[in-house]
Amino acid sequence: MILEDKDQKYSLAELLQAVTKLLADNGLLDAQQDNRVSAAPDARTIRYYTSLGLLDRPNLIGRQAYYGKRHLLQIGAIKALQGLSLPLSEIQAKLYGCSENELIAILTNIAKEQAKRPVTIHLVRWQEVNIEPGLKILAEDGWTTSQNLDSLMEKIKTTLSALSNISLEKEPKN
């Protein structure tokens, strides 16, 4: 992990680019385990992290906020830890009072672990059955029910009834 000059000053836009590059260079940009958390932060997220105390406040010069190497490392560590599915409260506890070297160690260790993880892709094939125009049923290929047929039929009837009520509500009333 090579970072730029220690005295580097980033605008918010430059910080976002630097964080994305840092995460990509360390194989952490695609490390998120779910879709609830974005791989790279946006400006709103940076402000949120600052308001929570996860991220040091930026240096203000006039009305312009500037971020430095420490901010870059803090955000990198936050995103790396989020990739391990840790909640922000736990991340805050882990990062509280960390030095730049400790932040680098966190990033480096997580990046090494991510590199060892095998990539698994679960492909799902769907079967589509057209019931009538405007109504289809999708089922995962190889699907079998774990319920008895009467229970399943009751769920289908309830669903169709609910759909019928929705479509009736949308019709114009005279």
N, C-alpha and C. Protein backbone atom coordinates (compact mmCIF):
# COMPACT_ATOMS: atom_id res chain seq x y z
N MET A 1 0.84 -1.16 0.00
CA MET A 1 0.00 0.00 0.00
C MET A 1 0.89 1.24 0.00
N ILE A 2 0.89 1.94 -1.09
CA ILE A 2 1.70 3.16 -1.19
C ILE A 2 0.75 4.34 -1.22
N LEU A 3 0.93 5.24 -0.29
CA LEU A 3 0.10 6.43 -0.25
C LEU A 3 0.94 7.63 -0.64
N GLU A 4 0.22 8.63 -1.07
CA GLU A 4 0.90 9.84 -1.53
C GLU A 4 1.54 10.56 -0.35
N ASP A 5 2.11 11.69 -0.64
CA ASP A 5 2.77 12.52 0.35
C ASP A 5 1.92 12.70 1.61
N LYS A 6 2.54 12.62 2.76
CA LYS A 6 1.85 12.75 4.05
C LYS A 6 1.10 14.07 4.15
N ASP A 7 1.60 15.10 3.54
CA ASP A 7 0.99 16.42 3.64
C ASP A 7 -0.03 16.68 2.52
N GLN A 8 -0.38 15.66 1.77
CA GLN A 8 -1.36 15.80 0.69
C GLN A 8 -2.68 16.34 1.25
N LYS A 9 -3.26 17.31 0.55
CA LYS A 9 -4.56 17.85 0.92
C LYS A 9 -5.54 17.52 -0.19
N TYR A 10 -6.67 16.93 0.21
CA TYR A 10 -7.70 16.53 -0.74
C TYR A 10 -8.96 17.35 -0.53
N SER A 11 -9.54 17.79 -1.63
CA SER A 11 -10.91 18.31 -1.53
C SER A 11 -11.80 17.09 -1.34
N LEU A 12 -13.06 17.28 -1.09
CA LEU A 12 -13.95 16.14 -0.89
C LEU A 12 -13.99 15.26 -2.15
N ALA A 13 -14.09 15.88 -3.31
CA ALA A 13 -14.13 15.12 -4.56
C ALA A 13 -12.83 14.34 -4.77
N GLU A 14 -11.70 14.97 -4.48
CA GLU A 14 -10.41 14.29 -4.62
C GLU A 14 -10.27 13.15 -3.61
N LEU A 15 -10.80 13.36 -2.39
CA LEU A 15 -10.76 12.31 -1.37
C LEU A 15 -11.55 11.09 -1.84
N LEU A 16 -12.72 11.32 -2.41
CA LEU A 16 -13.55 10.20 -2.88
C LEU A 16 -12.82 9.40 -3.96
N GLN A 17 -12.14 10.10 -4.86
CA GLN A 17 -11.36 9.41 -5.90
C GLN A 17 -10.20 8.63 -5.28
N ALA A 18 -9.52 9.24 -4.32
CA ALA A 18 -8.38 8.59 -3.68
C ALA A 18 -8.82 7.35 -2.89
N VAL A 19 -9.97 7.43 -2.22
CA VAL A 19 -10.48 6.28 -1.47
C VAL A 19 -10.82 5.14 -2.42
N THR A 20 -11.49 5.46 -3.52
CA THR A 20 -11.84 4.43 -4.51
C THR A 20 -10.59 3.77 -5.03
N LYS A 21 -9.56 4.56 -5.32
CA LYS A 21 -8.29 4.00 -5.82
C LYS A 21 -7.62 3.14 -4.74
N LEU A 22 -7.61 3.61 -3.50
CA LEU A 22 -7.01 2.86 -2.40
C LEU A 22 -7.70 1.51 -2.24
N LEU A 23 -9.01 1.50 -2.25
CA LEU A 23 -9.76 0.25 -2.10
C LEU A 23 -9.52 -0.68 -3.30
N ALA A 24 -9.52 -0.11 -4.50
CA ALA A 24 -9.29 -0.92 -5.70
C ALA A 24 -7.88 -1.51 -5.70
N ASP A 25 -6.89 -0.70 -5.36
CA ASP A 25 -5.50 -1.16 -5.34
C ASP A 25 -5.27 -2.28 -4.33
N ASN A 26 -6.11 -2.32 -3.28
CA ASN A 26 -5.96 -3.33 -2.24
C ASN A 26 -6.97 -4.47 -2.37
N GLY A 27 -7.67 -4.51 -3.49
CA GLY A 27 -8.63 -5.59 -3.72
C GLY A 27 -9.84 -5.53 -2.82
N LEU A 28 -10.17 -4.36 -2.33
CA LEU A 28 -11.27 -4.22 -1.38
C LEU A 28 -12.49 -3.53 -1.96
N LEU A 29 -12.42 -3.13 -3.21
CA LEU A 29 -13.54 -2.41 -3.79
C LEU A 29 -14.76 -3.31 -3.97
N ASP A 30 -14.54 -4.59 -4.20
CA ASP A 30 -15.65 -5.53 -4.38
C ASP A 30 -15.81 -6.45 -3.18
N ALA A 31 -15.36 -6.00 -2.02
CA ALA A 31 -15.35 -6.86 -0.84
C ALA A 31 -16.66 -6.86 -0.06
N GLN A 32 -17.59 -6.00 -0.44
CA GLN A 32 -18.84 -5.93 0.31
C GLN A 32 -19.60 -7.24 0.21
N GLN A 33 -20.12 -7.71 1.34
CA GLN A 33 -20.80 -8.99 1.40
C GLN A 33 -22.27 -8.90 1.01
N ASP A 34 -22.84 -7.73 1.05
CA ASP A 34 -24.24 -7.57 0.70
C ASP A 34 -24.43 -6.25 -0.05
N ASN A 35 -25.66 -6.01 -0.43
CA ASN A 35 -25.92 -4.80 -1.20
C ASN A 35 -26.39 -3.64 -0.34
N ARG A 36 -26.34 -3.77 0.97
CA ARG A 36 -26.77 -2.69 1.83
C ARG A 36 -25.71 -1.59 1.92
N VAL A 37 -24.48 -1.93 1.69
CA VAL A 37 -23.36 -1.00 1.85
C VAL A 37 -22.66 -0.83 0.51
N SER A 38 -22.44 0.42 0.12
CA SER A 38 -21.73 0.66 -1.15
C SER A 38 -20.25 0.37 -0.98
N ALA A 39 -19.63 -0.04 -2.06
CA ALA A 39 -18.21 -0.38 -2.02
C ALA A 39 -17.35 0.84 -1.73
N ALA A 40 -17.66 1.95 -2.36
CA ALA A 40 -16.91 3.20 -2.15
C ALA A 40 -17.90 4.26 -1.66
N PRO A 41 -17.47 5.10 -0.73
CA PRO A 41 -18.39 6.09 -0.18
C PRO A 41 -18.65 7.25 -1.13
N ASP A 42 -19.74 7.94 -0.89
CA ASP A 42 -20.01 9.18 -1.60
C ASP A 42 -19.88 10.34 -0.61
N ALA A 43 -20.10 11.55 -1.07
CA ALA A 43 -19.91 12.74 -0.22
C ALA A 43 -20.83 12.69 1.01
N ARG A 44 -22.04 12.26 0.82
CA ARG A 44 -22.99 12.19 1.93
C ARG A 44 -22.50 11.21 3.00
N THR A 45 -21.97 10.08 2.56
CA THR A 45 -21.46 9.07 3.49
C THR A 45 -20.28 9.63 4.29
N ILE A 46 -19.40 10.37 3.62
CA ILE A 46 -18.25 10.97 4.32
C ILE A 46 -18.74 11.91 5.41
N ARG A 47 -19.73 12.72 5.10
CA ARG A 47 -20.28 13.65 6.10
C ARG A 47 -20.93 12.87 7.24
N TYR A 48 -21.61 11.79 6.91
CA TYR A 48 -22.25 10.95 7.93
C TYR A 48 -21.19 10.34 8.85
N TYR A 49 -20.12 9.79 8.27
CA TYR A 49 -19.05 9.21 9.08
C TYR A 49 -18.45 10.26 10.01
N THR A 50 -18.31 11.48 9.51
CA THR A 50 -17.76 12.57 10.33
C THR A 50 -18.71 12.90 11.48
N SER A 51 -20.01 12.95 11.18
CA SER A 51 -20.98 13.27 12.24
C SER A 51 -21.03 12.19 13.31
N LEU A 52 -20.75 10.93 12.94
CA LEU A 52 -20.72 9.83 13.91
C LEU A 52 -19.42 9.80 14.71
N GLY A 53 -18.41 10.51 14.25
CA GLY A 53 -17.12 10.47 14.92
C GLY A 53 -16.23 9.35 14.41
N LEU A 54 -16.65 8.66 13.36
CA LEU A 54 -15.83 7.62 12.74
C LEU A 54 -14.65 8.23 12.00
N LEU A 55 -14.85 9.41 11.50
CA LEU A 55 -13.88 10.11 10.66
C LEU A 55 -13.56 11.44 11.31
N ASP A 56 -12.27 11.78 11.40
CA ASP A 56 -11.87 13.08 11.94
C ASP A 56 -12.50 14.20 11.11
N ARG A 57 -12.74 15.30 11.76
CA ARG A 57 -13.28 16.46 11.04
C ARG A 57 -12.22 16.96 10.05
N PRO A 58 -12.66 17.46 8.90
CA PRO A 58 -11.68 17.99 7.93
C PRO A 58 -11.09 19.29 8.42
N ASN A 59 -9.96 19.65 7.85
CA ASN A 59 -9.34 20.94 8.12
C ASN A 59 -10.04 21.98 7.26
N LEU A 60 -10.41 23.10 7.86
CA LEU A 60 -11.09 24.14 7.12
C LEU A 60 -10.12 25.26 6.82
N ILE A 61 -10.07 25.64 5.57
CA ILE A 61 -9.30 26.80 5.13
C ILE A 61 -10.30 27.70 4.44
N GLY A 62 -10.68 28.75 5.13
CA GLY A 62 -11.78 29.58 4.66
C GLY A 62 -13.06 28.75 4.77
N ARG A 63 -13.75 28.62 3.67
CA ARG A 63 -14.98 27.81 3.67
C ARG A 63 -14.76 26.44 3.04
N GLN A 64 -13.53 26.16 2.65
CA GLN A 64 -13.21 24.90 1.96
C GLN A 64 -12.69 23.86 2.96
N ALA A 65 -13.27 22.67 2.90
CA ALA A 65 -12.82 21.56 3.74
C ALA A 65 -11.74 20.78 3.01
N TYR A 66 -10.69 20.44 3.74
CA TYR A 66 -9.60 19.64 3.17
C TYR A 66 -9.36 18.42 4.04
N TYR A 67 -9.05 17.34 3.37
CA TYR A 67 -8.81 16.06 4.02
C TYR A 67 -7.37 15.64 3.74
N GLY A 68 -6.82 14.84 4.63
CA GLY A 68 -5.44 14.40 4.48
C GLY A 68 -5.31 12.89 4.45
N LYS A 69 -4.07 12.45 4.59
CA LYS A 69 -3.74 11.02 4.54
C LYS A 69 -4.51 10.25 5.61
N ARG A 70 -4.60 10.79 6.80
CA ARG A 70 -5.29 10.11 7.89
C ARG A 70 -6.76 9.87 7.55
N HIS A 71 -7.40 10.88 6.95
CA HIS A 71 -8.80 10.72 6.54
C HIS A 71 -8.93 9.58 5.52
N LEU A 72 -8.01 9.56 4.58
CA LEU A 72 -8.01 8.52 3.55
C LEU A 72 -7.89 7.13 4.19
N LEU A 73 -6.97 7.01 5.13
CA LEU A 73 -6.78 5.72 5.82
C LEU A 73 -7.99 5.35 6.67
N GLN A 74 -8.57 6.34 7.34
CA GLN A 74 -9.75 6.06 8.16
C GLN A 74 -10.89 5.52 7.29
N ILE A 75 -11.15 6.17 6.18
CA ILE A 75 -12.24 5.73 5.31
C ILE A 75 -11.92 4.35 4.73
N GLY A 76 -10.68 4.16 4.32
CA GLY A 76 -10.28 2.85 3.80
C GLY A 76 -10.50 1.75 4.83
N ALA A 77 -10.15 2.02 6.08
CA ALA A 77 -10.33 1.03 7.15
C ALA A 77 -11.81 0.79 7.42
N ILE A 78 -12.61 1.85 7.40
CA ILE A 78 -14.05 1.71 7.61
C ILE A 78 -14.64 0.81 6.54
N LYS A 79 -14.34 1.09 5.29
CA LYS A 79 -14.90 0.29 4.19
C LYS A 79 -14.38 -1.14 4.23
N ALA A 80 -13.14 -1.33 4.59
CA ALA A 80 -12.58 -2.68 4.69
C ALA A 80 -13.31 -3.47 5.78
N LEU A 81 -13.55 -2.84 6.91
CA LEU A 81 -14.25 -3.51 8.02
C LEU A 81 -15.72 -3.74 7.68
N GLN A 82 -16.32 -2.83 6.94
CA GLN A 82 -17.69 -3.06 6.49
C GLN A 82 -17.75 -4.27 5.57
N GLY A 83 -16.69 -4.49 4.81
CA GLY A 83 -16.62 -5.67 3.94
C GLY A 83 -16.64 -6.97 4.73
N LEU A 84 -16.34 -6.89 6.02
CA LEU A 84 -16.40 -8.06 6.90
C LEU A 84 -17.76 -8.14 7.60
N SER A 85 -18.69 -7.29 7.16
CA SER A 85 -20.06 -7.23 7.70
C SER A 85 -20.13 -6.75 9.14
N LEU A 86 -19.17 -5.92 9.55
CA LEU A 86 -19.21 -5.36 10.90
C LEU A 86 -20.12 -4.13 10.91
N PRO A 87 -20.91 -3.96 11.96
CA PRO A 87 -21.74 -2.75 12.06
C PRO A 87 -20.87 -1.54 12.39
N LEU A 88 -21.38 -0.36 12.06
CA LEU A 88 -20.61 0.87 12.28
C LEU A 88 -20.23 1.06 13.75
N SER A 89 -21.08 0.65 14.67
CA SER A 89 -20.74 0.82 16.10
C SER A 89 -19.50 0.00 16.46
N GLU A 90 -19.40 -1.20 15.91
CA GLU A 90 -18.23 -2.03 16.19
C GLU A 90 -16.99 -1.48 15.48
N ILE A 91 -17.19 -0.98 14.27
CA ILE A 91 -16.08 -0.37 13.53
C ILE A 91 -15.55 0.83 14.30
N GLN A 92 -16.45 1.63 14.83
CA GLN A 92 -16.05 2.81 15.60
C GLN A 92 -15.20 2.41 16.79
N ALA A 93 -15.62 1.36 17.48
CA ALA A 93 -14.86 0.89 18.64
C ALA A 93 -13.48 0.39 18.24
N LYS A 94 -13.38 -0.30 17.11
CA LYS A 94 -12.10 -0.84 16.64
C LYS A 94 -11.14 0.28 16.21
N LEU A 95 -11.69 1.32 15.60
CA LEU A 95 -10.83 2.36 15.03
C LEU A 95 -10.53 3.51 15.98
N TYR A 96 -11.24 3.57 17.10
CA TYR A 96 -11.05 4.69 18.02
C TYR A 96 -9.59 4.78 18.47
N GLY A 97 -8.99 5.92 18.23
CA GLY A 97 -7.63 6.18 18.68
C GLY A 97 -6.54 5.51 17.87
N CYS A 98 -6.87 4.90 16.75
CA CYS A 98 -5.85 4.22 15.93
C CYS A 98 -4.90 5.23 15.30
N SER A 99 -3.64 4.86 15.27
CA SER A 99 -2.64 5.68 14.58
C SER A 99 -2.71 5.37 13.09
N GLU A 100 -2.00 6.16 12.30
CA GLU A 100 -1.97 5.90 10.86
C GLU A 100 -1.38 4.52 10.57
N ASN A 101 -0.34 4.15 11.31
CA ASN A 101 0.27 2.82 11.10
C ASN A 101 -0.72 1.70 11.43
N GLU A 102 -1.52 1.88 12.47
CA GLU A 102 -2.53 0.88 12.82
C GLU A 102 -3.62 0.80 11.75
N LEU A 103 -4.00 1.95 11.19
CA LEU A 103 -4.99 1.95 10.11
C LEU A 103 -4.45 1.23 8.88
N ILE A 104 -3.17 1.47 8.58
CA ILE A 104 -2.53 0.78 7.45
C ILE A 104 -2.51 -0.73 7.71
N ALA A 105 -2.21 -1.12 8.94
CA ALA A 105 -2.17 -2.55 9.29
C ALA A 105 -3.55 -3.19 9.12
N ILE A 106 -4.59 -2.50 9.53
CA ILE A 106 -5.95 -3.02 9.37
C ILE A 106 -6.25 -3.23 7.89
N LEU A 107 -5.98 -2.21 7.09
CA LEU A 107 -6.22 -2.31 5.64
C LEU A 107 -5.43 -3.45 5.02
N THR A 108 -4.17 -3.53 5.35
CA THR A 108 -3.27 -4.55 4.78
C THR A 108 -3.73 -5.96 5.15
N ASN A 109 -4.05 -6.15 6.43
CA ASN A 109 -4.48 -7.48 6.89
C ASN A 109 -5.78 -7.92 6.24
N ILE A 110 -6.73 -7.01 6.15
CA ILE A 110 -8.01 -7.37 5.53
C ILE A 110 -7.82 -7.64 4.04
N ALA A 111 -6.98 -6.83 3.39
CA ALA A 111 -6.71 -7.05 1.97
C ALA A 111 -6.08 -8.42 1.73
N LYS A 112 -5.16 -8.82 2.60
CA LYS A 112 -4.53 -10.15 2.47
C LYS A 112 -5.56 -11.26 2.63
N GLU A 113 -6.44 -11.11 3.61
CA GLU A 113 -7.48 -12.12 3.84
C GLU A 113 -8.45 -12.19 2.65
N GLN A 114 -8.80 -11.04 2.11
CA GLN A 114 -9.71 -11.00 0.95
C GLN A 114 -9.08 -11.70 -0.25
N ALA A 115 -7.78 -11.52 -0.42
CA ALA A 115 -7.09 -12.13 -1.56
C ALA A 115 -7.10 -13.65 -1.45
N LYS A 116 -7.14 -14.19 -0.24
CA LYS A 116 -7.15 -15.63 -0.03
C LYS A 116 -8.52 -16.25 -0.27
N ARG A 117 -9.57 -15.44 -0.13
CA ARG A 117 -10.94 -15.95 -0.24
C ARG A 117 -11.26 -16.37 -1.66
N PRO A 118 -11.79 -17.56 -1.82
CA PRO A 118 -12.21 -17.95 -3.17
C PRO A 118 -13.48 -17.19 -3.56
N VAL A 119 -13.57 -16.88 -4.81
CA VAL A 119 -14.74 -16.19 -5.31
C VAL A 119 -15.78 -17.24 -5.67
N THR A 120 -16.95 -17.13 -5.07
CA THR A 120 -18.02 -18.06 -5.39
C THR A 120 -19.18 -17.30 -6.00
N ILE A 121 -19.67 -17.83 -7.06
CA ILE A 121 -20.80 -17.24 -7.75
C ILE A 121 -21.90 -18.28 -7.80
N HIS A 122 -23.04 -17.91 -7.31
CA HIS A 122 -24.18 -18.81 -7.32
C HIS A 122 -25.13 -18.35 -8.42
N LEU A 123 -25.19 -19.11 -9.48
CA LEU A 123 -26.08 -18.77 -10.58
C LEU A 123 -27.45 -19.38 -10.32
N VAL A 124 -28.46 -18.60 -10.57
CA VAL A 124 -29.82 -19.08 -10.40
C VAL A 124 -30.50 -19.03 -11.75
N ARG A 125 -31.09 -20.13 -12.11
CA ARG A 125 -31.86 -20.18 -13.35
C ARG A 125 -33.33 -20.20 -12.97
N TRP A 126 -34.10 -19.46 -13.70
CA TRP A 126 -35.52 -19.35 -13.42
C TRP A 126 -36.34 -19.95 -14.54
N GLN A 127 -37.43 -20.59 -14.17
CA GLN A 127 -38.40 -21.05 -15.15
C GLN A 127 -39.59 -20.11 -15.07
N GLU A 128 -40.08 -19.73 -16.22
CA GLU A 128 -41.18 -18.79 -16.30
C GLU A 128 -42.37 -19.49 -16.93
N VAL A 129 -43.51 -19.38 -16.28
CA VAL A 129 -44.73 -19.98 -16.82
C VAL A 129 -45.75 -18.86 -17.01
N ASN A 130 -46.20 -18.69 -18.24
CA ASN A 130 -47.23 -17.69 -18.53
C ASN A 130 -48.59 -18.30 -18.21
N ILE A 131 -49.30 -17.70 -17.29
CA ILE A 131 -50.63 -18.17 -16.90
C ILE A 131 -51.67 -17.59 -17.84
N GLU A 132 -51.57 -16.29 -18.07
CA GLU A 132 -52.42 -15.58 -19.02
C GLU A 132 -51.72 -14.26 -19.30
N PRO A 133 -52.17 -13.51 -20.29
CA PRO A 133 -51.51 -12.24 -20.56
C PRO A 133 -51.48 -11.36 -19.30
N GLY A 134 -50.29 -10.95 -18.94
CA GLY A 134 -50.10 -10.10 -17.78
C GLY A 134 -49.85 -10.85 -16.48
N LEU A 135 -49.87 -12.17 -16.50
CA LEU A 135 -49.66 -12.95 -15.29
C LEU A 135 -48.69 -14.08 -15.57
N LYS A 136 -47.58 -14.09 -14.83
CA LYS A 136 -46.55 -15.12 -14.97
C LYS A 136 -46.20 -15.64 -13.59
N ILE A 137 -45.72 -16.85 -13.56
CA ILE A 137 -45.15 -17.40 -12.33
C ILE A 137 -43.69 -17.72 -12.62
N LEU A 138 -42.81 -17.28 -11.72
CA LEU A 138 -41.39 -17.59 -11.83
C LEU A 138 -41.04 -18.59 -10.73
N ALA A 139 -40.29 -19.60 -11.09
CA ALA A 139 -39.83 -20.58 -10.12
C ALA A 139 -38.37 -20.88 -10.38
N GLU A 140 -37.60 -20.97 -9.30
CA GLU A 140 -36.19 -21.32 -9.44
C GLU A 140 -36.09 -22.71 -10.04
N ASP A 141 -35.18 -22.86 -10.99
CA ASP A 141 -34.99 -24.15 -11.66
C ASP A 141 -34.73 -25.24 -10.61
N GLY A 142 -35.47 -26.30 -10.68
CA GLY A 142 -35.31 -27.39 -9.75
C GLY A 142 -36.12 -27.22 -8.48
N TRP A 143 -36.97 -26.19 -8.41
CA TRP A 143 -37.77 -25.92 -7.23
C TRP A 143 -38.74 -27.06 -6.94
N THR A 144 -38.87 -27.39 -5.69
CA THR A 144 -39.91 -28.31 -5.23
C THR A 144 -40.49 -27.72 -3.96
N THR A 145 -41.75 -27.96 -3.74
CA THR A 145 -42.41 -27.39 -2.57
C THR A 145 -42.10 -28.20 -1.33
N SER A 146 -42.02 -27.48 -0.21
CA SER A 146 -41.82 -28.16 1.07
C SER A 146 -43.15 -28.20 1.83
N GLN A 147 -44.21 -27.71 1.18
CA GLN A 147 -45.53 -27.66 1.79
C GLN A 147 -46.44 -28.69 1.14
N ASN A 148 -47.58 -28.92 1.78
CA ASN A 148 -48.53 -29.79 1.10
C ASN A 148 -49.22 -28.96 0.01
N LEU A 149 -49.78 -29.63 -0.94
CA LEU A 149 -50.35 -28.97 -2.11
C LEU A 149 -51.52 -28.05 -1.73
N ASP A 150 -52.34 -28.44 -0.77
CA ASP A 150 -53.47 -27.61 -0.36
C ASP A 150 -53.00 -26.27 0.22
N SER A 151 -51.93 -26.29 1.02
CA SER A 151 -51.38 -25.08 1.61
C SER A 151 -50.83 -24.16 0.52
N LEU A 152 -50.14 -24.73 -0.42
CA LEU A 152 -49.58 -23.96 -1.53
C LEU A 152 -50.69 -23.34 -2.37
N MET A 153 -51.71 -24.10 -2.67
CA MET A 153 -52.84 -23.60 -3.46
C MET A 153 -53.54 -22.44 -2.73
N GLU A 154 -53.65 -22.54 -1.42
CA GLU A 154 -54.28 -21.47 -0.64
C GLU A 154 -53.46 -20.18 -0.75
N LYS A 155 -52.14 -20.30 -0.70
CA LYS A 155 -51.27 -19.12 -0.85
C LYS A 155 -51.43 -18.51 -2.24
N ILE A 156 -51.52 -19.34 -3.25
CA ILE A 156 -51.70 -18.85 -4.63
C ILE A 156 -53.05 -18.14 -4.76
N LYS A 157 -54.10 -18.71 -4.19
CA LYS A 157 -55.43 -18.09 -4.23
C LYS A 157 -55.41 -16.75 -3.53
N THR A 158 -54.76 -16.67 -2.37
CA THR A 158 -54.67 -15.42 -1.62
C THR A 158 -53.91 -14.37 -2.41
N THR A 159 -52.84 -14.78 -3.06
CA THR A 159 -52.05 -13.85 -3.87
C THR A 159 -52.87 -13.33 -5.05
N LEU A 160 -53.56 -14.22 -5.73
CA LEU A 160 -54.39 -13.80 -6.86
C LEU A 160 -55.51 -12.87 -6.41
N SER A 161 -56.08 -13.15 -5.25
CA SER A 161 -57.13 -12.29 -4.70
C SER A 161 -56.57 -10.90 -4.41
N ALA A 162 -55.39 -10.86 -3.81
CA ALA A 162 -54.76 -9.57 -3.51
C ALA A 162 -54.45 -8.81 -4.79
N LEU A 163 -53.96 -9.49 -5.81
CA LEU A 163 -53.68 -8.85 -7.10
C LEU A 163 -54.96 -8.32 -7.73
N SER A 164 -56.04 -9.08 -7.63
CA SER A 164 -57.32 -8.65 -8.19
C SER A 164 -57.81 -7.39 -7.49
N ASN A 165 -57.66 -7.34 -6.16
CA ASN A 165 -58.08 -6.15 -5.41
C ASN A 165 -57.27 -4.94 -5.80
N ILE A 166 -56.00 -5.11 -6.02
CA ILE A 166 -55.13 -4.00 -6.43
C ILE A 166 -55.55 -3.49 -7.80
N SER A 167 -55.77 -4.41 -8.74
CA SER A 167 -56.11 -3.98 -10.09
C SER A 167 -57.49 -3.33 -10.12
N LEU A 168 -58.44 -3.75 -9.26
CA LEU A 168 -59.75 -3.13 -9.20
C LEU A 168 -59.65 -1.71 -8.66
N GLU A 169 -58.75 -1.49 -7.70
CA GLU A 169 -58.59 -0.15 -7.14
C GLU A 169 -58.03 0.83 -8.15
N LYS A 170 -57.28 0.34 -9.13
CA LYS A 170 -56.66 1.22 -10.12
C LYS A 170 -57.62 1.60 -11.24
N GLU A 171 -58.72 0.85 -11.40
CA GLU A 171 -59.67 1.17 -12.47
C GLU A 171 -60.37 2.48 -12.16
N PRO A 172 -60.60 3.30 -13.20
CA PRO A 172 -61.28 4.57 -12.97
C PRO A 172 -62.72 4.33 -12.49
N LYS A 173 -63.14 5.14 -11.54
CA LYS A 173 -64.50 5.02 -11.00
C LYS A 173 -65.40 5.99 -11.74
N ASN A 174 -66.59 5.51 -12.13
CA ASN A 174 -67.55 6.37 -12.84
C ASN A 174 -68.56 6.96 -11.90
